[in-house]
Amino acid sequence: MTHAGPQGADVVRRYFELWNERKMDEAISLFPEDCSYEDTLYPEVFAGKDQLRRHLLRVADALPDSFAFCVDTISDGGDSIGVQWHVENAGSPLPFTRGSSMYRLDPTRTKIAYGFDVPEPTVKSGSFSLAVSARLC
């Protein structure tokens, strides 16, 4: 199915570019007021643009300006965009900084209505997590 208007992947790529340039007001402008954003490192859902703004500014303030999110793969499913990414410091990839994100666009295809980030864990719990899960069942 062909979509008229902007390509969803372009909107998401622009978000990553603005984030990396630390143009946070412009990056946040790519979200509608009623957006929802989940980052699996945090227990809460960031509901609405004000909560998202606080979250993104807190993360940007915690990371050096030399850190950049690099898009490795992007999949444009129309209104749903998938991204595999990693973080670099001054152009060099950092260990344990890969992740995947899913974004859902609003009907205009110009705003990101929903985001879901899954950063790579720094502790690899593999078999331990499976054993705990099996005991809980």
N, C-alpha and C. Protein backbone atom coordinates (compact mmCIF):
# COMPACT_ATOMS: atom_id res chain seq x y z
N MET A 1 0.84 -1.16 0.00
CA MET A 1 0.00 0.00 0.00
C MET A 1 0.90 1.24 0.00
N THR A 2 0.62 2.17 -0.87
CA THR A 2 1.40 3.39 -0.98
C THR A 2 0.75 4.49 -0.16
N HIS A 3 1.58 5.25 0.54
CA HIS A 3 1.10 6.34 1.38
C HIS A 3 1.46 7.67 0.76
N ALA A 4 0.51 8.60 0.73
CA ALA A 4 0.81 9.95 0.28
C ALA A 4 1.43 10.72 1.44
N GLY A 5 2.15 11.78 1.14
CA GLY A 5 2.72 12.60 2.19
C GLY A 5 4.09 12.11 2.60
N PRO A 6 4.56 12.58 3.74
CA PRO A 6 5.92 12.24 4.18
C PRO A 6 6.08 10.76 4.47
N GLN A 7 7.25 10.27 4.26
CA GLN A 7 7.57 8.90 4.61
C GLN A 7 7.82 8.84 6.12
N GLY A 8 7.25 7.85 6.77
CA GLY A 8 7.42 7.72 8.21
C GLY A 8 8.87 7.62 8.62
N ALA A 9 9.65 6.91 7.84
CA ALA A 9 11.07 6.77 8.18
C ALA A 9 11.76 8.12 8.19
N ASP A 10 11.34 9.05 7.33
CA ASP A 10 11.94 10.38 7.30
C ASP A 10 11.67 11.14 8.60
N VAL A 11 10.46 11.02 9.13
CA VAL A 11 10.10 11.69 10.38
C VAL A 11 10.96 11.14 11.52
N VAL A 12 11.12 9.83 11.57
CA VAL A 12 11.89 9.21 12.64
C VAL A 12 13.37 9.54 12.48
N ARG A 13 13.89 9.49 11.26
CA ARG A 13 15.29 9.88 11.03
C ARG A 13 15.53 11.32 11.50
N ARG A 14 14.57 12.20 11.20
CA ARG A 14 14.70 13.60 11.61
C ARG A 14 14.74 13.70 13.13
N TYR A 15 13.95 12.90 13.83
CA TYR A 15 13.96 12.88 15.29
C TYR A 15 15.36 12.52 15.80
N PHE A 16 15.97 11.47 15.24
CA PHE A 16 17.32 11.07 15.65
C PHE A 16 18.32 12.19 15.37
N GLU A 17 18.22 12.83 14.19
CA GLU A 17 19.14 13.92 13.85
C GLU A 17 19.03 15.07 14.85
N LEU A 18 17.81 15.48 15.15
CA LEU A 18 17.61 16.59 16.09
C LEU A 18 18.09 16.22 17.48
N TRP A 19 17.84 14.98 17.89
CA TRP A 19 18.31 14.52 19.20
C TRP A 19 19.83 14.63 19.26
N ASN A 20 20.49 14.14 18.22
CA ASN A 20 21.96 14.15 18.19
C ASN A 20 22.53 15.57 18.17
N GLU A 21 21.80 16.50 17.58
CA GLU A 21 22.23 17.90 17.54
C GLU A 21 21.84 18.62 18.83
N ARG A 22 21.17 17.92 19.73
CA ARG A 22 20.66 18.45 21.00
C ARG A 22 19.71 19.62 20.78
N LYS A 23 18.99 19.56 19.68
CA LYS A 23 17.92 20.51 19.40
C LYS A 23 16.63 19.91 19.95
N MET A 24 16.57 19.86 21.27
CA MET A 24 15.51 19.10 21.94
C MET A 24 14.13 19.70 21.71
N ASP A 25 14.01 21.02 21.65
CA ASP A 25 12.69 21.61 21.39
C ASP A 25 12.18 21.20 20.02
N GLU A 26 13.06 21.18 19.03
CA GLU A 26 12.65 20.76 17.69
C GLU A 26 12.34 19.26 17.67
N ALA A 27 13.13 18.46 18.37
CA ALA A 27 12.87 17.02 18.43
C ALA A 27 11.51 16.76 19.08
N ILE A 28 11.23 17.45 20.16
CA ILE A 28 9.96 17.26 20.87
C ILE A 28 8.79 17.77 20.02
N SER A 29 9.05 18.73 19.15
CA SER A 29 7.97 19.23 18.28
C SER A 29 7.47 18.17 17.31
N LEU A 30 8.21 17.08 17.16
CA LEU A 30 7.79 15.99 16.28
C LEU A 30 6.77 15.07 16.94
N PHE A 31 6.35 15.40 18.17
CA PHE A 31 5.36 14.61 18.90
C PHE A 31 4.12 15.46 19.15
N PRO A 32 2.92 14.85 19.05
CA PRO A 32 1.70 15.59 19.39
C PRO A 32 1.55 15.71 20.91
N GLU A 33 0.67 16.58 21.35
CA GLU A 33 0.44 16.80 22.79
C GLU A 33 0.09 15.51 23.52
N ASP A 34 -0.68 14.64 22.88
CA ASP A 34 -1.17 13.42 23.55
C ASP A 34 -0.31 12.19 23.26
N CYS A 35 0.98 12.40 22.99
CA CYS A 35 1.88 11.28 22.68
C CYS A 35 2.07 10.39 23.92
N SER A 36 2.62 9.23 23.65
CA SER A 36 2.95 8.27 24.70
C SER A 36 4.31 7.67 24.34
N TYR A 37 5.19 7.53 25.35
CA TYR A 37 6.54 7.06 25.08
C TYR A 37 6.97 6.12 26.19
N GLU A 38 7.46 4.96 25.81
CA GLU A 38 7.95 3.98 26.78
C GLU A 38 9.42 3.72 26.50
N ASP A 39 10.21 3.81 27.55
CA ASP A 39 11.62 3.45 27.52
C ASP A 39 11.76 2.35 28.55
N THR A 40 12.14 1.15 28.13
CA THR A 40 12.11 0.00 29.03
C THR A 40 13.13 0.08 30.16
N LEU A 41 13.98 1.11 30.16
CA LEU A 41 14.87 1.32 31.31
C LEU A 41 14.12 1.96 32.48
N TYR A 42 12.94 2.48 32.22
CA TYR A 42 12.15 3.19 33.23
C TYR A 42 10.83 2.47 33.44
N PRO A 43 10.33 2.46 34.67
CA PRO A 43 9.08 1.73 34.94
C PRO A 43 7.82 2.45 34.45
N GLU A 44 7.89 3.78 34.31
CA GLU A 44 6.70 4.52 33.94
C GLU A 44 6.62 4.77 32.43
N VAL A 45 5.39 5.02 31.98
CA VAL A 45 5.15 5.46 30.61
C VAL A 45 5.13 6.98 30.64
N PHE A 46 5.80 7.61 29.71
CA PHE A 46 5.81 9.06 29.63
C PHE A 46 4.60 9.47 28.78
N ALA A 47 3.57 9.93 29.46
CA ALA A 47 2.29 10.25 28.82
C ALA A 47 2.18 11.74 28.59
N GLY A 48 2.05 12.13 27.36
CA GLY A 48 1.93 13.53 27.01
C GLY A 48 3.27 14.18 26.74
N LYS A 49 3.20 15.26 26.03
CA LYS A 49 4.40 15.96 25.57
C LYS A 49 5.23 16.53 26.72
N ASP A 50 4.58 17.00 27.80
CA ASP A 50 5.34 17.56 28.93
C ASP A 50 6.18 16.50 29.62
N GLN A 51 5.61 15.32 29.86
CA GLN A 51 6.38 14.24 30.49
C GLN A 51 7.50 13.78 29.56
N LEU A 52 7.20 13.67 28.27
CA LEU A 52 8.23 13.27 27.31
C LEU A 52 9.36 14.29 27.28
N ARG A 53 9.02 15.57 27.27
CA ARG A 53 10.03 16.63 27.27
C ARG A 53 10.97 16.48 28.47
N ARG A 54 10.39 16.32 29.66
CA ARG A 54 11.22 16.17 30.87
C ARG A 54 12.14 14.95 30.75
N HIS A 55 11.60 13.84 30.26
CA HIS A 55 12.41 12.63 30.11
C HIS A 55 13.55 12.85 29.12
N LEU A 56 13.24 13.36 27.93
CA LEU A 56 14.28 13.53 26.92
C LEU A 56 15.34 14.53 27.36
N LEU A 57 14.94 15.60 28.02
CA LEU A 57 15.91 16.58 28.51
C LEU A 57 16.79 15.98 29.60
N ARG A 58 16.20 15.15 30.47
CA ARG A 58 16.99 14.50 31.53
C ARG A 58 18.03 13.57 30.91
N VAL A 59 17.64 12.81 29.90
CA VAL A 59 18.58 11.90 29.25
C VAL A 59 19.66 12.70 28.51
N ALA A 60 19.26 13.72 27.77
CA ALA A 60 20.24 14.52 27.03
C ALA A 60 21.23 15.20 27.97
N ASP A 61 20.75 15.68 29.12
CA ASP A 61 21.63 16.33 30.08
C ASP A 61 22.61 15.35 30.72
N ALA A 62 22.23 14.09 30.79
CA ALA A 62 23.08 13.07 31.43
C ALA A 62 24.17 12.55 30.49
N LEU A 63 24.00 12.73 29.20
CA LEU A 63 24.96 12.20 28.23
C LEU A 63 25.83 13.31 27.65
N PRO A 64 27.11 13.02 27.42
CA PRO A 64 27.97 14.03 26.80
C PRO A 64 27.48 14.39 25.39
N ASP A 65 27.75 15.60 24.95
CA ASP A 65 27.35 16.03 23.60
C ASP A 65 28.01 15.19 22.52
N SER A 66 29.10 14.51 22.86
CA SER A 66 29.81 13.68 21.88
C SER A 66 29.10 12.35 21.62
N PHE A 67 28.08 12.02 22.44
CA PHE A 67 27.31 10.79 22.22
C PHE A 67 26.27 11.03 21.13
N ALA A 68 26.14 10.08 20.21
CA ALA A 68 25.15 10.19 19.13
C ALA A 68 24.50 8.84 18.90
N PHE A 69 23.19 8.87 18.69
CA PHE A 69 22.44 7.68 18.31
C PHE A 69 22.58 7.49 16.81
N CYS A 70 23.03 6.32 16.40
CA CYS A 70 23.26 6.01 14.99
C CYS A 70 22.26 4.96 14.53
N VAL A 71 21.51 5.28 13.50
CA VAL A 71 20.53 4.35 12.95
C VAL A 71 21.26 3.31 12.12
N ASP A 72 21.10 2.05 12.49
CA ASP A 72 21.69 0.95 11.72
C ASP A 72 20.73 0.44 10.66
N THR A 73 19.48 0.24 11.06
CA THR A 73 18.45 -0.28 10.18
C THR A 73 17.15 0.44 10.50
N ILE A 74 16.41 0.77 9.46
CA ILE A 74 15.09 1.36 9.68
C ILE A 74 14.11 0.68 8.74
N SER A 75 12.96 0.34 9.28
CA SER A 75 11.94 -0.35 8.52
C SER A 75 10.68 0.50 8.54
N ASP A 76 10.21 0.88 7.36
CA ASP A 76 9.05 1.74 7.24
C ASP A 76 7.84 0.89 6.88
N GLY A 77 6.98 0.67 7.87
CA GLY A 77 5.77 -0.10 7.65
C GLY A 77 4.56 0.79 7.45
N GLY A 78 4.79 2.00 6.99
CA GLY A 78 3.68 2.93 6.81
C GLY A 78 3.52 3.80 8.03
N ASP A 79 2.61 3.42 8.91
CA ASP A 79 2.39 4.18 10.13
C ASP A 79 3.24 3.66 11.28
N SER A 80 3.90 2.52 11.11
CA SER A 80 4.76 1.93 12.13
C SER A 80 6.18 1.85 11.59
N ILE A 81 7.11 2.39 12.38
CA ILE A 81 8.51 2.45 11.96
C ILE A 81 9.36 1.72 12.99
N GLY A 82 10.19 0.79 12.54
CA GLY A 82 11.11 0.08 13.41
C GLY A 82 12.54 0.54 13.16
N VAL A 83 13.29 0.69 14.24
CA VAL A 83 14.67 1.17 14.13
C VAL A 83 15.58 0.30 14.99
N GLN A 84 16.69 -0.12 14.42
CA GLN A 84 17.77 -0.74 15.19
C GLN A 84 18.89 0.30 15.20
N TRP A 85 19.46 0.57 16.39
CA TRP A 85 20.43 1.64 16.54
C TRP A 85 21.55 1.25 17.50
N HIS A 86 22.57 2.09 17.52
CA HIS A 86 23.64 1.99 18.51
C HIS A 86 24.10 3.40 18.86
N VAL A 87 24.89 3.53 19.90
CA VAL A 87 25.39 4.83 20.32
C VAL A 87 26.90 4.88 20.06
N GLU A 88 27.34 6.03 19.57
CA GLU A 88 28.76 6.27 19.36
C GLU A 88 29.19 7.47 20.19
N ASN A 89 30.46 7.45 20.59
CA ASN A 89 31.07 8.58 21.27
C ASN A 89 32.15 9.14 20.36
N ALA A 90 31.93 10.35 19.87
CA ALA A 90 32.89 11.00 18.97
C ALA A 90 33.22 10.09 17.77
N GLY A 91 32.20 9.40 17.26
CA GLY A 91 32.37 8.57 16.08
C GLY A 91 32.79 7.13 16.33
N SER A 92 33.03 6.76 17.58
CA SER A 92 33.42 5.38 17.91
C SER A 92 32.29 4.67 18.63
N PRO A 93 31.90 3.48 18.13
CA PRO A 93 30.81 2.74 18.79
C PRO A 93 31.16 2.41 20.24
N LEU A 94 30.16 2.49 21.09
CA LEU A 94 30.32 2.16 22.51
C LEU A 94 29.77 0.77 22.77
N PRO A 95 30.38 0.01 23.68
CA PRO A 95 29.85 -1.31 24.02
C PRO A 95 28.52 -1.19 24.77
N PHE A 96 27.69 -2.17 24.61
CA PHE A 96 26.41 -2.27 25.32
C PHE A 96 25.50 -1.07 25.08
N THR A 97 25.51 -0.54 23.85
CA THR A 97 24.67 0.62 23.56
C THR A 97 23.80 0.40 22.32
N ARG A 98 23.52 -0.86 22.03
CA ARG A 98 22.61 -1.13 20.93
C ARG A 98 21.18 -1.08 21.45
N GLY A 99 20.26 -0.93 20.54
CA GLY A 99 18.87 -0.95 20.95
C GLY A 99 17.95 -1.01 19.75
N SER A 100 16.68 -1.18 20.05
CA SER A 100 15.64 -1.18 19.03
C SER A 100 14.52 -0.29 19.52
N SER A 101 13.89 0.37 18.59
CA SER A 101 12.76 1.24 18.91
C SER A 101 11.66 1.01 17.89
N MET A 102 10.44 1.18 18.36
CA MET A 102 9.26 1.15 17.49
C MET A 102 8.56 2.47 17.66
N TYR A 103 8.12 3.03 16.55
CA TYR A 103 7.39 4.29 16.56
C TYR A 103 6.11 4.12 15.75
N ARG A 104 5.05 4.76 16.23
CA ARG A 104 3.79 4.79 15.50
C ARG A 104 3.47 6.25 15.21
N LEU A 105 3.21 6.54 13.96
CA LEU A 105 2.92 7.92 13.56
C LEU A 105 1.44 8.25 13.75
N ASP A 106 1.16 9.54 13.87
CA ASP A 106 -0.24 9.98 13.93
C ASP A 106 -0.81 9.94 12.51
N PRO A 107 -2.11 10.18 12.34
CA PRO A 107 -2.72 10.08 11.01
C PRO A 107 -2.13 11.01 9.95
N THR A 108 -1.53 12.12 10.37
CA THR A 108 -0.92 13.04 9.40
C THR A 108 0.43 12.53 8.89
N ARG A 109 0.98 11.55 9.58
CA ARG A 109 2.29 10.97 9.27
C ARG A 109 3.41 12.01 9.41
N THR A 110 3.18 13.06 10.22
CA THR A 110 4.19 14.08 10.45
C THR A 110 4.61 14.14 11.91
N LYS A 111 3.93 13.38 12.77
CA LYS A 111 4.22 13.38 14.21
C LYS A 111 4.34 11.94 14.69
N ILE A 112 5.15 11.76 15.72
CA ILE A 112 5.33 10.44 16.34
C ILE A 112 4.37 10.36 17.52
N ALA A 113 3.32 9.58 17.37
CA ALA A 113 2.29 9.48 18.41
C ALA A 113 2.72 8.57 19.55
N TYR A 114 3.56 7.57 19.24
CA TYR A 114 3.95 6.57 20.24
C TYR A 114 5.37 6.12 19.97
N GLY A 115 6.15 5.98 21.03
CA GLY A 115 7.50 5.46 20.92
C GLY A 115 7.74 4.38 21.96
N PHE A 116 8.53 3.39 21.61
CA PHE A 116 8.86 2.28 22.51
C PHE A 116 10.33 1.94 22.30
N ASP A 117 11.17 2.19 23.30
CA ASP A 117 12.62 1.95 23.21
C ASP A 117 13.02 0.74 24.04
N VAL A 118 13.86 -0.10 23.46
CA VAL A 118 14.41 -1.26 24.17
C VAL A 118 15.93 -1.20 24.05
N PRO A 119 16.59 -0.50 25.00
CA PRO A 119 18.06 -0.46 24.98
C PRO A 119 18.66 -1.80 25.40
N GLU A 120 19.83 -2.06 24.90
CA GLU A 120 20.57 -3.28 25.27
C GLU A 120 20.91 -3.22 26.75
N PRO A 121 20.67 -4.31 27.48
CA PRO A 121 21.06 -4.30 28.90
C PRO A 121 22.58 -4.38 29.05
N THR A 122 23.09 -3.68 30.05
CA THR A 122 24.53 -3.73 30.30
C THR A 122 24.92 -5.01 31.01
N VAL A 123 23.98 -5.60 31.73
CA VAL A 123 24.20 -6.89 32.38
C VAL A 123 23.44 -7.93 31.56
N LYS A 124 24.14 -8.93 31.09
CA LYS A 124 23.55 -9.97 30.25
C LYS A 124 23.10 -11.12 31.15
N SER A 125 21.80 -11.17 31.42
CA SER A 125 21.29 -12.14 32.39
C SER A 125 20.87 -13.46 31.77
N GLY A 126 20.79 -13.55 30.45
CA GLY A 126 20.48 -14.77 29.70
C GLY A 126 19.90 -15.94 30.45
N SER A 127 20.71 -16.94 30.75
CA SER A 127 20.26 -18.18 31.38
C SER A 127 19.65 -17.93 32.76
N PHE A 128 20.19 -16.97 33.50
CA PHE A 128 19.64 -16.66 34.82
C PHE A 128 18.19 -16.19 34.69
N SER A 129 17.94 -15.30 33.75
CA SER A 129 16.57 -14.80 33.54
C SER A 129 15.63 -15.92 33.14
N LEU A 130 16.10 -16.81 32.29
CA LEU A 130 15.26 -17.95 31.89
C LEU A 130 14.94 -18.84 33.08
N ALA A 131 15.91 -19.07 33.93
CA ALA A 131 15.70 -19.92 35.11
C ALA A 131 14.71 -19.26 36.06
N VAL A 132 14.82 -17.97 36.29
CA VAL A 132 13.88 -17.26 37.17
C VAL A 132 12.48 -17.30 36.57
N SER A 133 12.37 -17.05 35.27
CA SER A 133 11.06 -17.08 34.62
C SER A 133 10.42 -18.45 34.71
N ALA A 134 11.22 -19.50 34.53
CA ALA A 134 10.69 -20.86 34.59
C ALA A 134 10.17 -21.17 36.00
N ARG A 135 10.83 -20.66 37.02
CA ARG A 135 10.39 -20.91 38.40
C ARG A 135 9.12 -20.14 38.74
N LEU A 136 8.90 -19.01 38.07
CA LEU A 136 7.71 -18.21 38.33
C LEU A 136 6.46 -18.81 37.69
N CYS A 137 6.64 -19.67 36.74
CA CYS A 137 5.48 -20.25 36.04
C CYS A 137 4.90 -21.44 36.77
